[in-house]
Structure formats: structure tokens, C-alpha cells
Amino acid sequence: MNEESKSEKTSIQISASTRDRLYRLKFRRTYDQFLNELCDLYENEGSDEGEFAP
């Protein structure tokens, strides 16, 4: 068991249409991996523009 699978998980609720869009985008990754990559991209984009990244 890797470190990621040992961590505590939560659930979020999204619409079926959003889930379907995410499924098509996350190709061969878990939702957790995909969403972490998305957060990294978002945070880095704000840093590149001199904005505060939450």
C-alpha cells in the first residue's frame, strides 16, 4: 500500500455532467491525482502572473 492510499479520504458531490467531463479529462489517473495536478496548475498560473495563489 502506498502513502497516498494510506491518507484519509473525503467525498465531494458534483453533478453527473461534471463527473462525466472529469472522467474524460483524467485519462489513466485517479480522480485524486488529476485534481491535485489541476490544483498545481492553477496555483502555478497565479504565481506566474504575480498574483496571490491560495
Protein backbone atom coordinates (compact mmCIF):
# COMPACT_ATOMS: atom_id res chain seq x y z
CA MET A 1 0.00 0.00 0.00
CA ASN A 2 1.49 3.36 -1.00
CA GLU A 3 1.45 6.58 1.06
CA GLU A 4 -1.41 8.10 -0.94
CA SER A 5 -3.74 5.18 -0.27
CA LYS A 6 -2.99 5.42 3.46
CA SER A 7 -4.13 9.05 3.67
CA GLU A 8 -7.57 9.98 4.84
CA LYS A 9 -10.09 10.45 2.03
CA THR A 10 -13.18 12.62 1.86
CA SER A 11 -16.00 12.84 -0.63
CA ILE A 12 -17.33 15.70 -2.72
CA GLN A 13 -20.59 15.98 -4.56
CA ILE A 14 -20.63 17.02 -8.20
CA SER A 15 -23.24 16.82 -10.91
CA ALA A 16 -23.31 13.85 -13.25
CA SER A 17 -22.35 16.07 -16.19
CA THR A 18 -19.29 17.40 -14.32
CA ARG A 19 -18.31 13.86 -13.33
CA ASP A 20 -18.52 12.80 -16.98
CA ARG A 21 -16.36 15.73 -18.10
CA LEU A 22 -13.77 14.96 -15.42
CA TYR A 23 -13.75 11.30 -16.39
CA ARG A 24 -12.88 12.17 -20.00
CA LEU A 25 -10.09 14.53 -18.87
CA LYS A 26 -8.42 12.35 -16.24
CA PHE A 27 -7.29 9.62 -18.66
CA ARG A 28 -5.48 6.81 -16.75
CA ARG A 29 -5.20 8.72 -13.47
CA THR A 30 -7.23 8.58 -10.32
CA TYR A 31 -9.52 11.49 -9.58
CA ASP A 32 -7.23 12.40 -6.68
CA GLN A 33 -4.16 12.52 -8.93
CA PHE A 34 -5.98 14.52 -11.58
CA LEU A 35 -7.41 17.06 -9.14
CA ASN A 36 -4.01 17.53 -7.47
CA GLU A 37 -2.45 18.20 -10.88
CA LEU A 38 -5.24 20.67 -11.63
CA CYS A 39 -4.65 22.47 -8.33
CA ASP A 40 -0.90 22.64 -9.05
CA LEU A 41 -1.56 24.15 -12.47
CA TYR A 42 -3.96 26.70 -11.02
CA GLU A 43 -1.58 27.70 -8.23
CA ASN A 44 1.40 27.97 -10.58
CA GLU A 45 -0.57 30.09 -13.04
CA GLY A 46 -1.33 32.62 -10.31
CA SER A 47 2.31 32.68 -9.23
CA ASP A 48 3.50 33.32 -12.78
CA GLU A 49 1.29 36.40 -13.03
CA GLY A 50 2.38 37.79 -9.68
CA GLU A 51 -0.99 37.03 -8.11
CA PHE A 52 -1.55 35.51 -4.72
CA ALA A 53 -2.16 31.77 -5.07
CA PRO A 54 -4.35 30.49 -2.21
